[in-house]
Amino acid sequence: QVLNPEDNRHGLLKGGRGAYADDYSYIDQQMEWCSTEHNCSTLQAIKGLHLVLKDERYNQCASLIQSNLISKLYDSENGRFYQGISQSGVDEAWAIDCLSWAGKTAHSVGRTDIANACADQIMNKFLLQNKTILVSSEKETFNLTYSSDESISGFKPYADGYDNPPQLIWSEGTLGVAALFKAIGRQEQA
């Protein structure tokens, strides 16, 4: 957890250890980037530890993550969370987990307004409709097993900020969206 109040990542947790070079060789180094998704997961885990163990240190840690997750990583102008933050600033690319997972986290801490804003942006930026499942060996659409002519809808993993993001329905991401919609009472969309 970054504890220096002068650091723009203050209160958030870094990504851990390890990185990979362009040739996929492992580099043993501290990751300096703070991921929105990882901080959401950690917040839930630390809140759980506080509830079970009644240790006030966990509550203090969770409070620091929670306040900085919203103050530093929530983009109120666009109703979404950034992907993460480094010492040089926020990562402005749009990833669905940073709306579904972070929206569900915001809802769990009483910020249903933020959760609904994230849900609205998911519908605006990530929804794909009337898609079919195709057999393909192309990298962008790799699927050698299953095909269907039946039309389906769901959500893509990435939007703005990525060069040519794939226009495919991501099952895990779609399930995350359904969980958010269910949590905030948008049953029909879930």
C-alpha atoms as a PDB file:
ATOM      1  CA  GLN A   1       0.000   0.000   0.000  1.00  0.00           C
ATOM      2  CA  VAL A   2       1.357   3.398  -0.984  1.00  0.00           C
ATOM      3  CA  LEU A   3       1.434   5.408   2.261  1.00  0.00           C
ATOM      4  CA  ASN A   4       3.188   8.567   1.093  1.00  0.00           C
ATOM      5  CA  PRO A   5       0.466  11.269   0.959  1.00  0.00           C
ATOM      6  CA  GLU A   6       2.483  13.161  -1.687  1.00  0.00           C
ATOM      7  CA  ASP A   7       2.258  10.204  -4.106  1.00  0.00           C
ATOM      8  CA  ASN A   8      -0.745  10.301  -6.457  1.00  0.00           C
ATOM      9  CA  ARG A   9      -1.238   6.567  -5.729  1.00  0.00           C
ATOM     10  CA  HIS A  10      -1.642   7.245  -2.003  1.00  0.00           C
ATOM     11  CA  GLY A  11      -3.815   4.672  -0.251  1.00  0.00           C
ATOM     12  CA  LEU A  12      -3.829   2.202  -3.134  1.00  0.00           C
ATOM     13  CA  LEU A  13      -1.997  -1.089  -3.463  1.00  0.00           C
ATOM     14  CA  LYS A  14       0.699  -1.672  -6.066  1.00  0.00           C
ATOM     15  CA  GLY A  15       0.473  -4.621  -8.451  1.00  0.00           C
ATOM     16  CA  GLY A  16       2.965  -6.854  -6.630  1.00  0.00           C
ATOM     17  CA  ARG A  17       6.195  -8.301  -7.991  1.00  0.00           C
ATOM     18  CA  GLY A  18       7.191  -9.453 -11.427  1.00  0.00           C
ATOM     19  CA  ALA A  19       7.013  -8.321 -15.003  1.00  0.00           C
ATOM     20  CA  TYR A  20       7.679  -9.815 -18.409  1.00  0.00           C
ATOM     21  CA  ALA A  21      10.003  -8.476 -21.093  1.00  0.00           C
ATOM     22  CA  ASP A  22       9.002  -8.356 -24.758  1.00  0.00           C
ATOM     23  CA  ASP A  23      10.474 -11.859 -25.208  1.00  0.00           C
ATOM     24  CA  TYR A  24       8.374 -13.076 -22.225  1.00  0.00           C
ATOM     25  CA  SER A  25      11.377 -13.565 -19.961  1.00  0.00           C
ATOM     26  CA  TYR A  26      10.579 -12.892 -16.305  1.00  0.00           C
ATOM     27  CA  ILE A  27      11.904  -9.740 -14.620  1.00  0.00           C
ATOM     28  CA  ASP A  28      11.926  -9.747 -10.808  1.00  0.00           C
ATOM     29  CA  GLN A  29      10.882  -6.190  -9.994  1.00  0.00           C
ATOM     30  CA  GLN A  30       8.275  -4.319  -7.986  1.00  0.00           C
ATOM     31  CA  MET A  31       5.291  -3.273 -10.079  1.00  0.00           C
ATOM     32  CA  GLU A  32       4.588   0.411  -9.589  1.00  0.00           C
ATOM     33  CA  TRP A  33       1.147   0.450 -11.214  1.00  0.00           C
ATOM     34  CA  CYS A  34      -1.994   0.321  -9.048  1.00  0.00           C
ATOM     35  CA  SER A  35      -4.796  -1.549 -10.786  1.00  0.00           C
ATOM     36  CA  THR A  36      -8.433  -0.567 -10.202  1.00  0.00           C
ATOM     37  CA  GLU A  37      -9.581  -4.194 -10.426  1.00  0.00           C
ATOM     38  CA  HIS A  38      -6.974  -5.433  -7.942  1.00  0.00           C
ATOM     39  CA  ASN A  39      -7.744  -2.646  -5.481  1.00  0.00           C
ATOM     40  CA  CYS A  40     -11.473  -3.490  -5.691  1.00  0.00           C
ATOM     41  CA  SER A  41     -10.747  -7.153  -4.916  1.00  0.00           C
ATOM     42  CA  THR A  42      -8.347  -6.249  -2.118  1.00  0.00           C
ATOM     43  CA  LEU A  43     -10.846  -3.822  -0.596  1.00  0.00           C
ATOM     44  CA  GLN A  44     -13.445  -6.592  -0.350  1.00  0.00           C
ATOM     45  CA  ALA A  45     -10.921  -9.026   1.154  1.00  0.00           C
ATOM     46  CA  ILE A  46      -9.645  -6.540   3.735  1.00  0.00           C
ATOM     47  CA  LYS A  47     -13.184  -5.521   4.727  1.00  0.00           C
ATOM     48  CA  GLY A  48     -13.874  -9.235   5.242  1.00  0.00           C
ATOM     49  CA  LEU A  49     -10.778  -9.627   7.409  1.00  0.00           C
ATOM     50  CA  HIS A  50     -11.923  -6.719   9.557  1.00  0.00           C
ATOM     51  CA  LEU A  51     -15.389  -8.247   9.976  1.00  0.00           C
ATOM     52  CA  VAL A  52     -13.989 -11.640  10.971  1.00  0.00           C
ATOM     53  CA  LEU A  53     -10.924 -10.680  13.007  1.00  0.00           C
ATOM     54  CA  LYS A  54     -12.170  -7.349  14.453  1.00  0.00           C
ATOM     55  CA  ASP A  55      -8.670  -5.937  13.980  1.00  0.00           C
ATOM     56  CA  GLU A  56      -8.904  -2.167  13.499  1.00  0.00           C
ATOM     57  CA  ARG A  57      -5.784  -2.131  11.276  1.00  0.00           C
ATOM     58  CA  TYR A  58      -7.808  -3.850   8.532  1.00  0.00           C
ATOM     59  CA  ASN A  59     -10.565  -1.274   8.833  1.00  0.00           C
ATOM     60  CA  GLN A  60      -8.041   1.575   8.528  1.00  0.00           C
ATOM     61  CA  CYS A  61      -6.423  -0.048   5.484  1.00  0.00           C
ATOM     62  CA  ALA A  62      -9.820  -0.646   3.827  1.00  0.00           C
ATOM     63  CA  SER A  63     -10.929   2.933   4.501  1.00  0.00           C
ATOM     64  CA  LEU A  64      -7.778   4.277   2.878  1.00  0.00           C
ATOM     65  CA  ILE A  65      -8.236   2.076  -0.200  1.00  0.00           C
ATOM     66  CA  GLN A  66     -11.945   2.921  -0.467  1.00  0.00           C
ATOM     67  CA  SER A  67     -11.561   6.682  -0.287  1.00  0.00           C
ATOM     68  CA  ASN A  68      -8.659   6.765  -2.728  1.00  0.00           C
ATOM     69  CA  LEU A  69     -10.244   4.287  -5.120  1.00  0.00           C
ATOM     70  CA  ILE A  70     -13.088   6.750  -5.578  1.00  0.00           C
ATOM     71  CA  SER A  71     -11.134  10.010  -5.323  1.00  0.00           C
ATOM     72  CA  LYS A  72      -8.247   8.981  -7.606  1.00  0.00           C
ATOM     73  CA  LEU A  73      -9.630   6.306  -9.929  1.00  0.00           C
ATOM     74  CA  TYR A  74     -13.267   7.295 -10.462  1.00  0.00           C
ATOM     75  CA  ASP A  75     -13.787   9.453 -13.553  1.00  0.00           C
ATOM     76  CA  SER A  76     -16.958  11.325 -12.566  1.00  0.00           C
ATOM     77  CA  GLU A  77     -17.086  13.199 -15.876  1.00  0.00           C
ATOM     78  CA  ASN A  78     -17.481   9.916 -17.781  1.00  0.00           C
ATOM     79  CA  GLY A  79     -19.168   7.785 -15.113  1.00  0.00           C
ATOM     80  CA  ARG A  80     -16.480   5.106 -15.025  1.00  0.00           C
ATOM     81  CA  PHE A  81     -13.279   4.021 -13.299  1.00  0.00           C
ATOM     82  CA  TYR A  82      -9.857   4.351 -14.908  1.00  0.00           C
ATOM     83  CA  GLN A  83      -7.890   1.117 -15.401  1.00  0.00           C
ATOM     84  CA  GLY A  84      -5.326   2.124 -12.842  1.00  0.00           C
ATOM     85  CA  ILE A  85      -2.773   4.694 -11.837  1.00  0.00           C
ATOM     86  CA  SER A  86       1.013   5.000 -11.861  1.00  0.00           C
ATOM     87  CA  GLN A  87       3.311   7.720 -10.593  1.00  0.00           C
ATOM     88  CA  SER A  88       2.843   9.502 -13.915  1.00  0.00           C
ATOM     89  CA  GLY A  89      -0.968   9.481 -13.827  1.00  0.00           C
ATOM     90  CA  VAL A  90      -4.086   7.476 -14.656  1.00  0.00           C
ATOM     91  CA  ASP A  91      -4.519   4.912 -17.420  1.00  0.00           C
ATOM     92  CA  GLU A  92      -7.498   6.267 -19.355  1.00  0.00           C
ATOM     93  CA  ALA A  93      -8.197   3.200 -21.511  1.00  0.00           C
ATOM     94  CA  TRP A  94     -11.669   1.668 -21.101  1.00  0.00           C
ATOM     95  CA  ALA A  95     -11.808  -1.905 -19.764  1.00  0.00           C
ATOM     96  CA  ILE A  96     -15.136  -3.465 -18.817  1.00  0.00           C
ATOM     97  CA  ASP A  97     -13.875  -4.822 -15.463  1.00  0.00           C
ATOM     98  CA  CYS A  98     -13.242  -1.250 -14.403  1.00  0.00           C
ATOM     99  CA  LEU A  99     -16.952  -0.577 -14.795  1.00  0.00           C
ATOM    100  CA  SER A 100     -18.568  -3.883 -13.788  1.00  0.00           C
ATOM    101  CA  TRP A 101     -16.232  -4.973 -10.992  1.00  0.00           C
ATOM    102  CA  ALA A 102     -15.546  -1.462  -9.738  1.00  0.00           C
ATOM    103  CA  GLY A 103     -19.226  -0.548 -10.074  1.00  0.00           C
ATOM    104  CA  LYS A 104     -20.151  -3.543  -7.921  1.00  0.00           C
ATOM    105  CA  THR A 105     -17.511  -2.501  -5.390  1.00  0.00           C
ATOM    106  CA  ALA A 106     -18.888   1.065  -5.346  1.00  0.00           C
ATOM    107  CA  HIS A 107     -22.376  -0.342  -4.738  1.00  0.00           C
ATOM    108  CA  SER A 108     -21.066  -2.491  -1.862  1.00  0.00           C
ATOM    109  CA  VAL A 109     -19.756   0.622  -0.081  1.00  0.00           C
ATOM    110  CA  GLY A 110     -22.986   2.565  -0.524  1.00  0.00           C
ATOM    111  CA  ARG A 111     -22.213   4.432  -3.755  1.00  0.00           C
ATOM    112  CA  THR A 112     -25.107   3.200  -5.868  1.00  0.00           C
ATOM    113  CA  ASP A 113     -24.942   6.449  -7.835  1.00  0.00           C
ATOM    114  CA  ILE A 114     -21.479   5.467  -9.079  1.00  0.00           C
ATOM    115  CA  ALA A 115     -22.603   1.873  -9.712  1.00  0.00           C
ATOM    116  CA  ASN A 116     -25.501   3.095 -11.873  1.00  0.00           C
ATOM    117  CA  ALA A 117     -23.239   5.484 -13.785  1.00  0.00           C
ATOM    118  CA  CYS A 118     -20.890   2.576 -14.519  1.00  0.00           C
ATOM    119  CA  ALA A 119     -23.842   0.424 -15.632  1.00  0.00           C
ATOM    120  CA  ASP A 120     -25.015   3.168 -17.998  1.00  0.00           C
ATOM    121  CA  GLN A 121     -21.552   3.448 -19.561  1.00  0.00           C
ATOM    122  CA  ILE A 122     -21.344  -0.329 -19.945  1.00  0.00           C
ATOM    123  CA  MET A 123     -24.500  -0.185 -22.062  1.00  0.00           C
ATOM    124  CA  ASN A 124     -23.108   2.781 -24.053  1.00  0.00           C
ATOM    125  CA  LYS A 125     -19.576   1.523 -24.699  1.00  0.00           C
ATOM    126  CA  PHE A 126     -19.425  -2.273 -24.390  1.00  0.00           C
ATOM    127  CA  LEU A 127     -22.697  -3.855 -25.541  1.00  0.00           C
ATOM    128  CA  LEU A 128     -22.536  -6.059 -28.637  1.00  0.00           C
ATOM    129  CA  GLN A 129     -25.777  -7.340 -30.117  1.00  0.00           C
ATOM    130  CA  ASN A 130     -26.755  -9.892 -32.745  1.00  0.00           C
ATOM    131  CA  LYS A 131     -23.399 -11.676 -32.849  1.00  0.00           C
ATOM    132  CA  THR A 132     -22.824 -15.295 -33.857  1.00  0.00           C
ATOM    133  CA  ILE A 133     -20.180 -17.762 -32.751  1.00  0.00           C
ATOM    134  CA  LEU A 134     -17.805 -18.608 -35.582  1.00  0.00           C
ATOM    135  CA  VAL A 135     -15.049 -21.181 -35.942  1.00  0.00           C
ATOM    136  CA  SER A 136     -11.815 -19.324 -36.637  1.00  0.00           C
ATOM    137  CA  SER A 137      -8.055 -19.732 -36.340  1.00  0.00           C
ATOM    138  CA  GLU A 138      -7.399 -15.974 -36.534  1.00  0.00           C
ATOM    139  CA  LYS A 139      -5.696 -14.528 -33.451  1.00  0.00           C
ATOM    140  CA  GLU A 140      -8.386 -11.894 -32.864  1.00  0.00           C
ATOM    141  CA  THR A 141     -11.256 -14.412 -33.006  1.00  0.00           C
ATOM    142  CA  PHE A 142      -9.562 -17.712 -32.113  1.00  0.00           C
ATOM    143  CA  ASN A 143     -12.131 -20.500 -31.674  1.00  0.00           C
ATOM    144  CA  LEU A 144     -11.586 -23.939 -33.190  1.00  0.00           C
ATOM    145  CA  THR A 145     -14.324 -25.739 -31.284  1.00  0.00           C
ATOM    146  CA  TYR A 146     -17.817 -24.341 -31.393  1.00  0.00           C
ATOM    147  CA  SER A 147     -20.039 -22.437 -33.793  1.00  0.00           C
ATOM    148  CA  SER A 148     -23.647 -21.327 -33.823  1.00  0.00           C
ATOM    149  CA  ASP A 149     -25.848 -19.414 -36.208  1.00  0.00           C
ATOM    150  CA  GLU A 150     -28.019 -18.293 -33.278  1.00  0.00           C
ATOM    151  CA  SER A 151     -27.755 -14.589 -32.520  1.00  0.00           C
ATOM    152  CA  ILE A 152     -26.405 -13.639 -29.081  1.00  0.00           C
ATOM    153  CA  SER A 153     -25.699 -10.416 -27.190  1.00  0.00           C
ATOM    154  CA  GLY A 154     -23.114  -9.648 -24.545  1.00  0.00           C
ATOM    155  CA  PHE A 155     -20.222  -7.369 -23.727  1.00  0.00           C
ATOM    156  CA  LYS A 156     -16.775  -6.846 -25.199  1.00  0.00           C
ATOM    157  CA  PRO A 157     -13.706  -6.528 -22.944  1.00  0.00           C
ATOM    158  CA  TYR A 158     -12.297  -3.203 -24.162  1.00  0.00           C
ATOM    159  CA  ALA A 159     -13.402   0.055 -25.750  1.00  0.00           C
ATOM    160  CA  ASP A 160     -11.815   3.508 -26.129  1.00  0.00           C
ATOM    161  CA  GLY A 161      -8.089   3.803 -25.522  1.00  0.00           C
ATOM    162  CA  TYR A 162      -7.178   0.538 -27.258  1.00  0.00           C
ATOM    163  CA  ASP A 163      -6.064   0.302 -30.869  1.00  0.00           C
ATOM    164  CA  ASN A 164      -8.646  -1.797 -32.677  1.00  0.00           C
ATOM    165  CA  PRO A 165     -10.181  -3.556 -29.632  1.00  0.00           C
ATOM    166  CA  PRO A 166     -11.698  -6.960 -30.423  1.00  0.00           C
ATOM    167  CA  GLN A 167     -15.406  -6.961 -31.241  1.00  0.00           C
ATOM    168  CA  LEU A 168     -16.127 -10.209 -29.448  1.00  0.00           C
ATOM    169  CA  ILE A 169     -18.378 -11.132 -26.561  1.00  0.00           C
ATOM    170  CA  TRP A 170     -16.365 -11.921 -23.462  1.00  0.00           C
ATOM    171  CA  SER A 171     -18.195 -14.467 -21.294  1.00  0.00           C
ATOM    172  CA  GLU A 172     -16.456 -13.590 -18.000  1.00  0.00           C
ATOM    173  CA  GLY A 173     -16.973  -9.886 -18.582  1.00  0.00           C
ATOM    174  CA  THR A 174     -20.623 -10.436 -19.495  1.00  0.00           C
ATOM    175  CA  LEU A 175     -21.157 -12.403 -16.265  1.00  0.00           C
ATOM    176  CA  GLY A 176     -19.546  -9.542 -14.318  1.00  0.00           C
ATOM    177  CA  VAL A 177     -21.988  -7.122 -15.927  1.00  0.00           C
ATOM    178  CA  ALA A 178     -24.928  -9.373 -15.020  1.00  0.00           C
ATOM    179  CA  ALA A 179     -23.721  -9.458 -11.390  1.00  0.00           C
ATOM    180  CA  LEU A 180     -23.525  -5.641 -11.280  1.00  0.00           C
ATOM    181  CA  PHE A 181     -26.976  -5.200 -12.835  1.00  0.00           C
ATOM    182  CA  LYS A 182     -28.473  -7.726 -10.415  1.00  0.00           C
ATOM    183  CA  ALA A 183     -26.845  -6.019  -7.416  1.00  0.00           C
ATOM    184  CA  ILE A 184     -28.224  -2.592  -8.345  1.00  0.00           C
ATOM    185  CA  GLY A 185     -31.718  -3.873  -9.133  1.00  0.00           C
ATOM    186  CA  ARG A 186     -31.595  -3.764 -12.927  1.00  0.00           C
ATOM    187  CA  GLN A 187     -33.055  -7.280 -13.167  1.00  0.00           C
ATOM    188  CA  GLU A 188     -34.198  -7.145 -16.800  1.00  0.00           C
ATOM    189  CA  GLN A 189     -30.729  -6.128 -17.984  1.00  0.00           C
ATOM    190  CA  ALA A 190     -29.110  -8.750 -15.733  1.00  0.00           C
END
